[in-house]
C-alpha atoms as a PDB file:
ATOM      1  CA  MET A   1     -38.555 -82.643  97.148  1.00  0.00           C
ATOM      2  CA  ARG A   2     -40.543 -79.546  96.133  1.00  0.00           C
ATOM      3  CA  LEU A   3     -43.528 -80.863  94.231  1.00  0.00           C
ATOM      4  CA  ILE A   4     -46.674 -79.694  92.396  1.00  0.00           C
ATOM      5  CA  PHE A   5     -49.595 -82.313  92.853  1.00  0.00           C
ATOM      6  CA  MET A   6     -52.231 -82.486  90.287  1.00  0.00           C
ATOM      7  CA  GLY A   7     -55.258 -84.779  90.599  1.00  0.00           C
ATOM      8  CA  THR A   8     -59.266 -84.592  91.106  1.00  0.00           C
ATOM      9  CA  PRO A   9     -61.033 -87.186  92.334  1.00  0.00           C
ATOM     10  CA  ASP A  10     -61.151 -89.743  95.659  1.00  0.00           C
ATOM     11  CA  PHE A  11     -58.345 -91.905  93.837  1.00  0.00           C
ATOM     12  CA  SER A  12     -55.990 -89.094  94.251  1.00  0.00           C
ATOM     13  CA  VAL A  13     -56.276 -88.323  97.374  1.00  0.00           C
ATOM     14  CA  PRO A  14     -54.345 -90.883  99.462  1.00  0.00           C
ATOM     15  CA  ALA A  15     -51.069 -90.215  96.975  1.00  0.00           C
ATOM     16  CA  LEU A  16     -51.731 -86.254  97.967  1.00  0.00           C
ATOM     17  CA  HIS A  17     -51.489 -87.396 101.662  1.00  0.00           C
ATOM     18  CA  ALA A  18     -48.833 -89.879 101.175  1.00  0.00           C
ATOM     19  CA  LEU A  19     -46.468 -87.229  99.581  1.00  0.00           C
ATOM     20  CA  HIS A  20     -47.262 -84.839 102.586  1.00  0.00           C
ATOM     21  CA  GLU A  21     -46.696 -87.225 105.175  1.00  0.00           C
ATOM     22  CA  ALA A  22     -43.286 -88.175 103.528  1.00  0.00           C
ATOM     23  CA  GLY A  23     -42.350 -84.613 104.478  1.00  0.00           C
ATOM     24  CA  HIS A  24     -42.220 -83.265 100.463  1.00  0.00           C
ATOM     25  CA  GLU A  25     -43.063 -79.738 100.202  1.00  0.00           C
ATOM     26  CA  ILE A  26     -46.032 -79.427  98.177  1.00  0.00           C
ATOM     27  CA  VAL A  27     -46.035 -76.075  96.660  1.00  0.00           C
ATOM     28  CA  ALA A  28     -49.440 -76.017  94.786  1.00  0.00           C
ATOM     29  CA  VAL A  29     -52.137 -78.405  93.912  1.00  0.00           C
ATOM     30  CA  TYR A  30     -54.239 -78.344  90.576  1.00  0.00           C
ATOM     31  CA  THR A  31     -57.462 -79.800  90.180  1.00  0.00           C
ATOM     32  CA  GLN A  32     -60.787 -79.558  87.991  1.00  0.00           C
ATOM     33  CA  PRO A  33     -62.873 -76.553  89.114  1.00  0.00           C
ATOM     34  CA  PRO A  34     -65.826 -76.890  91.454  1.00  0.00           C
ATOM     35  CA  ARG A  35     -68.788 -78.651  89.605  1.00  0.00           C
ATOM     36  CA  PRO A  36     -72.270 -78.242  90.313  1.00  0.00           C
ATOM     37  CA  ALA A  37     -73.493 -81.144  92.513  1.00  0.00           C
ATOM     38  CA  GLY A  38     -76.767 -82.415  94.433  1.00  0.00           C
ATOM     39  CA  ARG A  39     -80.332 -81.601  93.932  1.00  0.00           C
ATOM     40  CA  GLY A  40     -79.643 -77.940  94.459  1.00  0.00           C
ATOM     41  CA  LYS A  41     -76.415 -77.726  91.855  1.00  0.00           C
ATOM     42  CA  ALA A  42     -74.392 -75.792  94.174  1.00  0.00           C
ATOM     43  CA  LEU A  43     -70.672 -75.806  93.130  1.00  0.00           C
ATOM     44  CA  ARG A  44     -68.766 -78.414  95.077  1.00  0.00           C
ATOM     45  CA  ALA A  45     -64.912 -78.647  95.247  1.00  0.00           C
ATOM     46  CA  SER A  46     -63.424 -81.807  94.125  1.00  0.00           C
ATOM     47  CA  PRO A  47     -62.271 -84.068  96.782  1.00  0.00           C
ATOM     48  CA  VAL A  48     -58.491 -83.315  95.769  1.00  0.00           C
ATOM     49  CA  HIS A  49     -59.600 -79.695  96.303  1.00  0.00           C
ATOM     50  CA  GLN A  50     -60.953 -80.240  99.742  1.00  0.00           C
ATOM     51  CA  ALA A  51     -57.889 -82.452 100.953  1.00  0.00           C
ATOM     52  CA  ALA A  52     -55.553 -79.684  99.784  1.00  0.00           C
ATOM     53  CA  GLU A  53     -57.346 -77.024 101.655  1.00  0.00           C
ATOM     54  CA  ALA A  54     -57.337 -79.147 104.622  1.00  0.00           C
ATOM     55  CA  LEU A  55     -53.402 -79.481 104.395  1.00  0.00           C
ATOM     56  CA  GLY A  56     -53.083 -75.872 103.953  1.00  0.00           C
ATOM     57  CA  ILE A  57     -51.745 -76.040 100.350  1.00  0.00           C
ATOM     58  CA  ALA A  58     -52.535 -73.381  97.649  1.00  0.00           C
ATOM     59  CA  VAL A  59     -55.006 -74.905  95.041  1.00  0.00           C
ATOM     60  CA  ARG A  60     -55.245 -73.645  91.519  1.00  0.00           C
ATOM     61  CA  HIS A  61     -58.253 -74.941  89.335  1.00  0.00           C
ATOM     62  CA  PRO A  62     -57.740 -73.774  85.661  1.00  0.00           C
ATOM     63  CA  VAL A  63     -60.565 -74.526  83.284  1.00  0.00           C
ATOM     64  CA  SER A  64     -58.123 -75.466  80.434  1.00  0.00           C
ATOM     65  CA  LEU A  65     -54.324 -75.608  80.249  1.00  0.00           C
ATOM     66  CA  ARG A  66     -54.533 -75.812  76.150  1.00  0.00           C
ATOM     67  CA  LYS A  67     -53.110 -72.267  75.021  1.00  0.00           C
ATOM     68  CA  ASN A  68     -53.164 -70.912  78.618  1.00  0.00           C
ATOM     69  CA  THR A  69     -49.623 -69.036  78.590  1.00  0.00           C
ATOM     70  CA  ASP A  70     -50.662 -67.360  81.774  1.00  0.00           C
ATOM     71  CA  GLU A  71     -50.973 -70.592  83.540  1.00  0.00           C
ATOM     72  CA  TRP A  72     -47.889 -72.112  81.879  1.00  0.00           C
ATOM     73  CA  ALA A  73     -46.093 -69.222  83.504  1.00  0.00           C
ATOM     74  CA  VAL A  74     -47.322 -69.543  86.846  1.00  0.00           C
ATOM     75  CA  PHE A  75     -46.766 -73.485  86.917  1.00  0.00           C
ATOM     76  CA  ALA A  76     -43.048 -72.853  86.141  1.00  0.00           C
ATOM     77  CA  ALA A  77     -42.540 -70.240  88.420  1.00  0.00           C
ATOM     78  CA  PHE A  78     -43.055 -72.735  91.164  1.00  0.00           C
ATOM     79  CA  ASN A  79     -39.487 -74.197  90.335  1.00  0.00           C
ATOM     80  CA  ALA A  80     -40.615 -77.375  91.071  1.00  0.00           C
ATOM     81  CA  ASP A  81     -38.549 -80.572  91.426  1.00  0.00           C
ATOM     82  CA  ALA A  82     -41.506 -82.864  89.960  1.00  0.00           C
ATOM     83  CA  ALA A  83     -45.279 -82.735  89.404  1.00  0.00           C
ATOM     84  CA  ILE A  84     -47.407 -85.716  90.579  1.00  0.00           C
ATOM     85  CA  VAL A  85     -50.238 -86.260  88.101  1.00  0.00           C
ATOM     86  CA  ALA A  86     -52.927 -88.856  89.342  1.00  0.00           C
ATOM     87  CA  ALA A  87     -56.420 -88.719  87.500  1.00  0.00           C
ATOM     88  CA  TYR A  88     -56.211 -84.985  86.838  1.00  0.00           C
ATOM     89  CA  GLY A  89     -58.456 -84.947  84.180  1.00  0.00           C
ATOM     90  CA  LEU A  90     -56.749 -82.295  81.675  1.00  0.00           C
ATOM     91  CA  ILE A  91     -54.185 -82.624  79.333  1.00  0.00           C
ATOM     92  CA  LEU A  92     -50.785 -81.092  80.135  1.00  0.00           C
ATOM     93  CA  PRO A  93     -49.017 -79.429  77.025  1.00  0.00           C
ATOM     94  CA  GLN A  94     -45.658 -80.130  76.418  1.00  0.00           C
ATOM     95  CA  VAL A  95     -44.202 -76.702  77.914  1.00  0.00           C
ATOM     96  CA  MET A  96     -45.850 -77.781  81.350  1.00  0.00           C
ATOM     97  CA  LEU A  97     -44.346 -81.570  81.025  1.00  0.00           C
ATOM     98  CA  ASP A  98     -40.916 -79.998  80.662  1.00  0.00           C
ATOM     99  CA  ALA A  99     -40.868 -77.340  83.415  1.00  0.00           C
ATOM    100  CA  PRO A 100     -40.155 -79.273  86.288  1.00  0.00           C
ATOM    101  CA  ARG A 101     -36.691 -80.245  87.065  1.00  0.00           C
ATOM    102  CA  LEU A 102     -37.611 -84.042  86.819  1.00  0.00           C
ATOM    103  CA  GLY A 103     -40.914 -83.788  84.581  1.00  0.00           C
ATOM    104  CA  CYS A 104     -43.894 -84.932  85.640  1.00  0.00           C
ATOM    105  CA  LEU A 105     -44.933 -88.538  87.020  1.00  0.00           C
ATOM    106  CA  ASN A 106     -48.157 -90.131  86.571  1.00  0.00           C
ATOM    107  CA  ILE A 107     -50.033 -92.693  88.740  1.00  0.00           C
ATOM    108  CA  HIS A 108     -51.654 -94.800  86.420  1.00  0.00           C
ATOM    109  CA  ALA A 109     -54.367 -97.461  87.822  1.00  0.00           C
ATOM    110  CA  SER A 110     -53.066-100.541  85.558  1.00  0.00           C
ATOM    111  CA  LEU A 111     -49.922-102.456  84.637  1.00  0.00           C
ATOM    112  CA  LEU A 112     -48.785-100.595  81.629  1.00  0.00           C
ATOM    113  CA  PRO A 113     -49.269-101.204  78.579  1.00  0.00           C
ATOM    114  CA  ARG A 114     -52.216-102.876  79.259  1.00  0.00           C
ATOM    115  CA  TRP A 115     -55.266-100.385  79.801  1.00  0.00           C
ATOM    116  CA  ARG A 116     -53.861 -97.281  78.795  1.00  0.00           C
ATOM    117  CA  GLY A 117     -56.716 -94.670  78.833  1.00  0.00           C
ATOM    118  CA  ALA A 118     -59.734 -93.303  80.794  1.00  0.00           C
ATOM    119  CA  SER A 119     -61.125 -96.450  82.601  1.00  0.00           C
ATOM    120  CA  PRO A 120     -58.508 -98.897  83.339  1.00  0.00           C
ATOM    121  CA  ILE A 121     -60.095-100.155  86.613  1.00  0.00           C
ATOM    122  CA  GLN A 122     -63.575-101.200  85.047  1.00  0.00           C
ATOM    123  CA  SER A 123     -61.650-102.529  81.951  1.00  0.00           C
ATOM    124  CA  ALA A 124     -59.475-105.045  83.756  1.00  0.00           C
ATOM    125  CA  ILE A 125     -62.591-106.520  85.556  1.00  0.00           C
ATOM    126  CA  LEU A 126     -64.691-106.336  82.308  1.00  0.00           C
ATOM    127  CA  ALA A 127     -62.159-108.509  80.638  1.00  0.00           C
ATOM    128  CA  GLY A 128     -61.648-111.020  83.133  1.00  0.00           C
ATOM    129  CA  ASP A 129     -58.034-110.312  84.136  1.00  0.00           C
ATOM    130  CA  ALA A 130     -56.584-111.897  86.955  1.00  0.00           C
ATOM    131  CA  GLU A 131     -54.551-108.836  88.255  1.00  0.00           C
ATOM    132  CA  SER A 132     -54.532-105.150  87.891  1.00  0.00           C
ATOM    133  CA  GLY A 133     -51.870-102.996  89.640  1.00  0.00           C
ATOM    134  CA  VAL A 134     -50.204 -99.374  89.270  1.00  0.00           C
ATOM    135  CA  THR A 135     -47.629 -98.074  86.969  1.00  0.00           C
ATOM    136  CA  ILE A 136     -45.674 -94.812  88.072  1.00  0.00           C
ATOM    137  CA  MET A 137     -44.478 -93.502  84.612  1.00  0.00           C
ATOM    138  CA  GLN A 138     -42.522 -90.332  83.321  1.00  0.00           C
ATOM    139  CA  MET A 139     -45.287 -88.621  81.231  1.00  0.00           C
ATOM    140  CA  GLU A 140     -44.846 -87.663  77.745  1.00  0.00           C
ATOM    141  CA  ALA A 141     -46.998 -86.257  74.870  1.00  0.00           C
ATOM    142  CA  GLY A 142     -48.595 -89.612  74.127  1.00  0.00           C
ATOM    143  CA  LEU A 143     -51.592 -91.163  75.953  1.00  0.00           C
ATOM    144  CA  ASP A 144     -50.060 -93.083  78.818  1.00  0.00           C
ATOM    145  CA  THR A 145     -47.173 -94.218  76.907  1.00  0.00           C
ATOM    146  CA  GLY A 146     -44.207 -93.078  78.689  1.00  0.00           C
ATOM    147  CA  PRO A 147     -41.668 -95.166  80.170  1.00  0.00           C
ATOM    148  CA  MET A 148     -42.097 -97.061  83.687  1.00  0.00           C
ATOM    149  CA  LEU A 149     -40.306 -96.210  86.986  1.00  0.00           C
ATOM    150  CA  LEU A 150     -42.271 -98.776  89.230  1.00  0.00           C
ATOM    151  CA  ARG A 151     -45.233-101.080  88.976  1.00  0.00           C
ATOM    152  CA  GLY A 152     -47.359-102.924  91.659  1.00  0.00           C
ATOM    153  CA  ALA A 153     -49.914-105.581  91.120  1.00  0.00           C
ATOM    154  CA  VAL A 154     -53.134-106.363  93.016  1.00  0.00           C
ATOM    155  CA  PRO A 155     -55.192-109.642  92.283  1.00  0.00           C
ATOM    156  CA  ILE A 156     -58.496-109.403  90.867  1.00  0.00           C
ATOM    157  CA  THR A 157     -60.715-112.260  92.306  1.00  0.00           C
ATOM    158  CA  ALA A 158     -64.422-113.388  91.824  1.00  0.00           C
ATOM    159  CA  GLU A 159     -65.565-110.921  94.677  1.00  0.00           C
ATOM    160  CA  THR A 160     -63.702-107.854  93.265  1.00  0.00           C
ATOM    161  CA  THR A 161     -65.390-105.006  92.637  1.00  0.00           C
ATOM    162  CA  ALA A 162     -64.712-101.448  90.757  1.00  0.00           C
ATOM    163  CA  THR A 163     -64.951-100.057  94.304  1.00  0.00           C
ATOM    164  CA  SER A 164     -62.790-102.542  95.982  1.00  0.00           C
ATOM    165  CA  LEU A 165     -60.184-102.417  93.215  1.00  0.00           C
ATOM    166  CA  HIS A 166     -60.294 -98.490  93.284  1.00  0.00           C
ATOM    167  CA  ASP A 167     -59.386 -98.303  96.744  1.00  0.00           C
ATOM    168  CA  ALA A 168     -56.650-100.981  96.623  1.00  0.00           C
ATOM    169  CA  LEU A 169     -55.174 -99.150  93.474  1.00  0.00           C
ATOM    170  CA  SER A 170     -55.562 -95.670  95.398  1.00  0.00           C
ATOM    171  CA  ALA A 171     -53.576 -96.843  98.413  1.00  0.00           C
ATOM    172  CA  LEU A 172     -51.100 -98.525  96.476  1.00  0.00           C
ATOM    173  CA  GLY A 173     -50.266 -95.340  94.124  1.00  0.00           C
ATOM    174  CA  GLY A 174     -49.659 -93.459  97.146  1.00  0.00           C
ATOM    175  CA  LYS A 175     -46.873 -95.901  98.434  1.00  0.00           C
ATOM    176  CA  LEU A 176     -45.464 -96.347  95.074  1.00  0.00           C
ATOM    177  CA  VAL A 177     -44.988 -92.631  94.103  1.00  0.00           C
ATOM    178  CA  VAL A 178     -43.279 -92.215  97.375  1.00  0.00           C
ATOM    179  CA  GLN A 179     -40.918 -94.873  96.819  1.00  0.00           C
ATOM    180  CA  ALA A 180     -40.305 -93.840  93.126  1.00  0.00           C
ATOM    181  CA  LEU A 181     -39.133 -90.488  94.584  1.00  0.00           C
ATOM    182  CA  ALA A 182     -36.951 -91.987  97.450  1.00  0.00           C
ATOM    183  CA  GLU A 183     -35.284 -94.427  95.133  1.00  0.00           C
ATOM    184  CA  HIS A 184     -34.976 -92.819  91.918  1.00  0.00           C
ATOM    185  CA  PRO A 185     -35.321 -96.226  89.717  1.00  0.00           C
ATOM    186  CA  ALA A 186     -34.173 -95.936  86.329  1.00  0.00           C
ATOM    187  CA  ALA A 187     -36.979 -95.322  83.463  1.00  0.00           C
ATOM    188  CA  VAL A 188     -37.818 -98.554  81.562  1.00  0.00           C
ATOM    189  CA  PRO A 189     -39.724 -98.026  77.960  1.00  0.00           C
ATOM    190  CA  GLN A 190     -43.034 -99.689  78.048  1.00  0.00           C
ATOM    191  CA  PRO A 191     -42.939-102.875  75.722  1.00  0.00           C
ATOM    192  CA  ALA A 192     -44.361-102.625  72.227  1.00  0.00           C
ATOM    193  CA  ASN A 193     -46.798-105.916  72.786  1.00  0.00           C
ATOM    194  CA  GLY A 194     -49.508-106.189  75.095  1.00  0.00           C
ATOM    195  CA  VAL A 195     -50.991-102.681  74.494  1.00  0.00           C
ATOM    196  CA  THR A 196     -54.697-102.231  74.976  1.00  0.00           C
ATOM    197  CA  TYR A 197     -56.982 -99.050  75.424  1.00  0.00           C
ATOM    198  CA  ALA A 198     -59.561 -98.727  77.983  1.00  0.00           C
ATOM    199  CA  GLU A 199     -62.324 -96.133  76.581  1.00  0.00           C
ATOM    200  CA  LYS A 200     -64.152 -93.595  78.322  1.00  0.00           C
ATOM    201  CA  LEU A 201     -67.369 -95.153  80.078  1.00  0.00           C
ATOM    202  CA  THR A 202     -70.895 -94.020  79.052  1.00  0.00           C
ATOM    203  CA  ARG A 203     -74.034 -94.916  80.584  1.00  0.00           C
ATOM    204  CA  GLU A 204     -74.736 -97.272  77.950  1.00  0.00           C
ATOM    205  CA  ASP A 205     -72.080 -99.427  78.681  1.00  0.00           C
ATOM    206  CA  GLY A 206     -74.064-100.293  81.638  1.00  0.00           C
ATOM    207  CA  ARG A 207     -76.808-101.760  79.730  1.00  0.00           C
ATOM    208  CA  ILE A 208     -76.959-105.895  80.328  1.00  0.00           C
ATOM    209  CA  ASN A 209     -77.328-108.147  77.364  1.00  0.00           C
ATOM    210  CA  TRP A 210     -78.619-111.314  78.652  1.00  0.00           C
ATOM    211  CA  GLN A 211     -77.167-113.207  75.705  1.00  0.00           C
ATOM    212  CA  GLU A 212     -73.880-113.087  77.430  1.00  0.00           C
ATOM    213  CA  SER A 213     -72.636-115.607  79.801  1.00  0.00           C
ATOM    214  CA  ALA A 214     -73.550-115.565  83.395  1.00  0.00           C
ATOM    215  CA  SER A 215     -69.707-114.819  84.068  1.00  0.00           C
ATOM    216  CA  ALA A 216     -69.820-111.774  81.626  1.00  0.00           C
ATOM    217  CA  ILE A 217     -72.641-110.343  83.267  1.00  0.00           C
ATOM    218  CA  ASP A 218     -71.390-110.961  86.555  1.00  0.00           C
ATOM    219  CA  ARG A 219     -68.201-108.937  85.758  1.00  0.00           C
ATOM    220  CA  ARG A 220     -70.237-106.143  84.011  1.00  0.00           C
ATOM    221  CA  ILE A 221     -72.200-105.618  87.307  1.00  0.00           C
ATOM    222  CA  ARG A 222     -68.964-105.703  89.353  1.00  0.00           C
ATOM    223  CA  ALA A 223     -67.245-103.560  87.049  1.00  0.00           C
ATOM    224  CA  LEU A 224     -69.568-100.702  86.325  1.00  0.00           C
ATOM    225  CA  THR A 225     -71.256-100.461  89.908  1.00  0.00           C
ATOM    226  CA  PRO A 226     -71.444 -97.595  90.855  1.00  0.00           C
ATOM    227  CA  TRP A 227     -70.515 -95.736  87.470  1.00  0.00           C
ATOM    228  CA  PRO A 228     -72.083 -95.905  85.233  1.00  0.00           C
ATOM    229  CA  GLY A 229     -74.106 -98.359  86.775  1.00  0.00           C
ATOM    230  CA  THR A 230     -75.718-101.394  85.171  1.00  0.00           C
ATOM    231  CA  PHE A 231     -79.299-101.815  84.275  1.00  0.00           C
ATOM    232  CA  THR A 232     -82.153-103.926  82.689  1.00  0.00           C
ATOM    233  CA  VAL A 233     -85.686-102.772  81.516  1.00  0.00           C
ATOM    234  CA  LEU A 234     -88.752-104.607  82.131  1.00  0.00           C
ATOM    235  CA  GLU A 235     -91.255-105.301  79.107  1.00  0.00           C
ATOM    236  CA  ASP A 236     -93.521-102.255  80.164  1.00  0.00           C
ATOM    237  CA  GLY A 237     -90.387-100.021  79.742  1.00  0.00           C
ATOM    238  CA  MET A 238     -89.416 -99.716  83.636  1.00  0.00           C
ATOM    239  CA  VAL A 239     -85.684 -99.273  83.868  1.00  0.00           C
ATOM    240  CA  LEU A 240     -84.242-101.410  86.852  1.00  0.00           C
ATOM    241  CA  LYS A 241     -80.535-100.609  87.941  1.00  0.00           C
ATOM    242  CA  ILE A 242     -78.715-103.702  89.298  1.00  0.00           C
ATOM    243  CA  GLY A 243     -76.521-103.452  91.976  1.00  0.00           C
ATOM    244  CA  GLY A 244     -75.603-107.101  92.816  1.00  0.00           C
ATOM    245  CA  ALA A 245     -75.783-110.689  91.396  1.00  0.00           C
ATOM    246  CA  VAL A 246     -74.457-114.073  92.099  1.00  0.00           C
ATOM    247  CA  PRO A 247     -73.296-115.765  88.772  1.00  0.00           C
ATOM    248  CA  LEU A 248     -74.514-119.325  88.279  1.00  0.00           C
ATOM    249  CA  PRO A 249     -72.546-120.306  85.277  1.00  0.00           C
ATOM    250  CA  ASP A 250     -73.314-124.156  85.352  1.00  0.00           C
ATOM    251  CA  TYR A 251     -77.252-123.526  85.689  1.00  0.00           C
ATOM    252  CA  LYS A 252     -78.909-125.695  83.201  1.00  0.00           C
ATOM    253  CA  HIS A 253     -81.960-124.207  81.341  1.00  0.00           C
ATOM    254  CA  THR A 254     -83.512-123.855  78.048  1.00  0.00           C
ATOM    255  CA  ALA A 255     -85.231-120.544  78.387  1.00  0.00           C
ATOM    256  CA  ARG A 256     -84.778-117.397  76.203  1.00  0.00           C
ATOM    257  CA  PRO A 257     -82.012-115.413  77.789  1.00  0.00           C
ATOM    258  CA  GLY A 258     -83.557-112.657  79.860  1.00  0.00           C
ATOM    259  CA  THR A 259     -86.349-114.663  81.514  1.00  0.00           C
ATOM    260  CA  VAL A 260     -86.671-114.877  84.933  1.00  0.00           C
ATOM    261  CA  LEU A 261     -86.556-118.420  86.004  1.00  0.00           C
ATOM    262  CA  ASP A 262     -88.190-118.657  89.416  1.00  0.00           C
ATOM    263  CA  ASP A 263     -89.373-116.539  92.413  1.00  0.00           C
ATOM    264  CA  ALA A 264     -85.583-115.543  93.600  1.00  0.00           C
ATOM    265  CA  LEU A 265     -84.977-113.117  90.626  1.00  0.00           C
ATOM    266  CA  THR A 266     -82.620-116.063  88.721  1.00  0.00           C
ATOM    267  CA  VAL A 267     -82.266-114.753  85.386  1.00  0.00           C
ATOM    268  CA  ALA A 268     -81.467-116.865  82.478  1.00  0.00           C
ATOM    269  CA  CYS A 269     -78.177-115.944  80.351  1.00  0.00           C
ATOM    270  CA  GLY A 270     -76.697-116.798  76.959  1.00  0.00           C
ATOM    271  CA  THR A 271     -75.003-119.866  79.033  1.00  0.00           C
ATOM    272  CA  GLY A 272     -75.553-120.042  82.856  1.00  0.00           C
ATOM    273  CA  ALA A 273     -77.619-117.674  84.785  1.00  0.00           C
ATOM    274  CA  VAL A 274     -77.090-114.989  87.445  1.00  0.00           C
ATOM    275  CA  ARG A 275     -79.404-114.391  90.840  1.00  0.00           C
ATOM    276  CA  LEU A 276     -80.200-110.673  91.120  1.00  0.00           C
ATOM    277  CA  THR A 277     -79.272-109.524  94.804  1.00  0.00           C
ATOM    278  CA  LYS A 278     -79.834-105.685  94.561  1.00  0.00           C
ATOM    279  CA  LEU A 279     -82.095-103.674  92.150  1.00  0.00           C
ATOM    280  CA  GLN A 280     -83.446-100.129  92.157  1.00  0.00           C
ATOM    281  CA  LYS A 281     -86.542 -98.715  90.771  1.00  0.00           C
ATOM    282  CA  PRO A 282     -86.706 -95.173  89.437  1.00  0.00           C
ATOM    283  CA  GLY A 283     -86.749 -92.575  92.041  1.00  0.00           C
ATOM    284  CA  ARG A 284     -85.806 -95.248  94.950  1.00  0.00           C
ATOM    285  CA  GLY A 285     -82.901 -96.251  96.487  1.00  0.00           C
ATOM    286  CA  MET A 286     -80.819 -99.567  95.813  1.00  0.00           C
ATOM    287  CA  MET A 287     -82.917-102.504  97.593  1.00  0.00           C
ATOM    288  CA  GLU A 288     -81.951-106.138  98.627  1.00  0.00           C
ATOM    289  CA  ALA A 289     -83.972-108.542  96.397  1.00  0.00           C
ATOM    290  CA  ASP A 290     -86.339-109.566  98.748  1.00  0.00           C
ATOM    291  CA  ALA A 291     -87.288-105.888  99.631  1.00  0.00           C
ATOM    292  CA  PHE A 292     -87.654-105.180  95.922  1.00  0.00           C
ATOM    293  CA  LEU A 293     -89.965-108.180  95.467  1.00  0.00           C
ATOM    294  CA  ARG A 294     -92.516-107.435  98.196  1.00  0.00           C
ATOM    295  CA  GLY A 295     -92.964-104.066  96.385  1.00  0.00           C
ATOM    296  CA  HIS A 296     -92.527-105.436  92.875  1.00  0.00           C
ATOM    297  CA  PRO A 297     -93.083-108.834  92.402  1.00  0.00           C
ATOM    298  CA  LEU A 298     -91.087-110.606  89.218  1.00  0.00           C
ATOM    299  CA  PRO A 299     -92.617-113.885  88.840  1.00  0.00           C
ATOM    300  CA  ALA A 300     -91.041-116.881  87.056  1.00  0.00           C
ATOM    301  CA  SER A 301     -91.439-116.267  82.773  1.00  0.00           C
ATOM    302  CA  THR A 302     -91.080-112.561  83.235  1.00  0.00           C
ATOM    303  CA  TYR A 303     -88.993-111.400  80.459  1.00  0.00           C
ATOM    304  CA  LEU A 304     -86.306-108.556  80.590  1.00  0.00           C
ATOM    305  CA  PRO A 305     -85.372-107.784  77.008  1.00  0.00           C
ATOM    306  CA  SER A 306     -82.117-106.527  76.113  1.00  0.00           C
ATOM    307  CA  GLN A 307     -83.281-103.931  73.661  1.00  0.00           C
ATOM    308  CA  GLN A 308     -82.852-100.074  73.415  1.00  0.00           C
ATOM    309  CA  ALA A 309     -84.172 -98.290  76.432  1.00  0.00           C
ATOM    310  CA  GLU A 310     -82.919 -95.092  77.946  1.00  0.00           C
ATOM    311  CA  ALA A 311     -80.222 -95.515  80.567  1.00  0.00           C
ATOM    312  CA  PRO A 312     -81.198 -94.415  84.100  1.00  0.00           C
ATOM    313  CA  ASP A 313     -80.065 -91.411  85.903  1.00  0.00           C
ATOM    314  CA  THR A 314     -77.416 -92.670  88.169  1.00  0.00           C
ATOM    315  CA  SER A 315     -77.440 -89.952  90.389  1.00  0.00           C
ATOM    316  CA  PRO A 316     -78.130 -90.864  94.314  1.00  0.00           C
ATOM    317  CA  ALA A 317     -81.339 -91.327  95.431  1.00  0.00           C
ATOM    318  CA  PRO A 318     -82.688 -89.002  98.255  1.00  0.00           C
END
């Protein structure tokens, strides 16, 4: 088919490659404009932009599509059979949704109608879902409300992280969209029951509330690492990023939640405890717990309050 591909982050790249390898003619790639990145704030092209250039595909990166009639005309002039959208980041106006012969198909990283919205991967882990997946859907004006063409599931285990689930769903999305274009499955309306929304994440979502259960805190760490990152704060105000922990849901204690219980960084939760395994001080890289403790001991009875503190800068350490 003659396709337009629209995507921006790493999640979208496997689908672009899968469509190209399947022999489809990708006449244009749309992506977000280059953004300042790194310490020097030099402009950096998106992962999809870089992948498209490597494949020799023309790239367009309009800042906005709203009322951008010139871009609407360019989009329509490609005479595409379909547009494939995967985490593009801009809302497509109706005139663009209607331009391709078969409309626009979205690769959404959840089992719709569960987790419509901006953060479906993280939300599924946070909620303790047993599975996630990918839905190929026909796009319409509503937020992830269009009819479904194909769905594929991936289990969520006690070891699943946002990174591992992202990679599994990214690969699955590429496979399913190629299958959808080959098989032309009938579109099925989303059920009215079971609709949930995944809100856009902020750094504040990464704050650990030690009143929660050990299992809930473990899910938060696995769901929000690396972005926006989870963190706690010492009584002196130092903010510590938490990169990993082992949940101990059956750990019995009578301590105030947030209290360090031993010299191995076991921290009391509302129920149970978690043993912190990776931590990061401001201006330093992420460290294993034993290396962290050599430079910054946190003895038993240290208290980690859950009150407000400035969320840490999650940019990579040098």
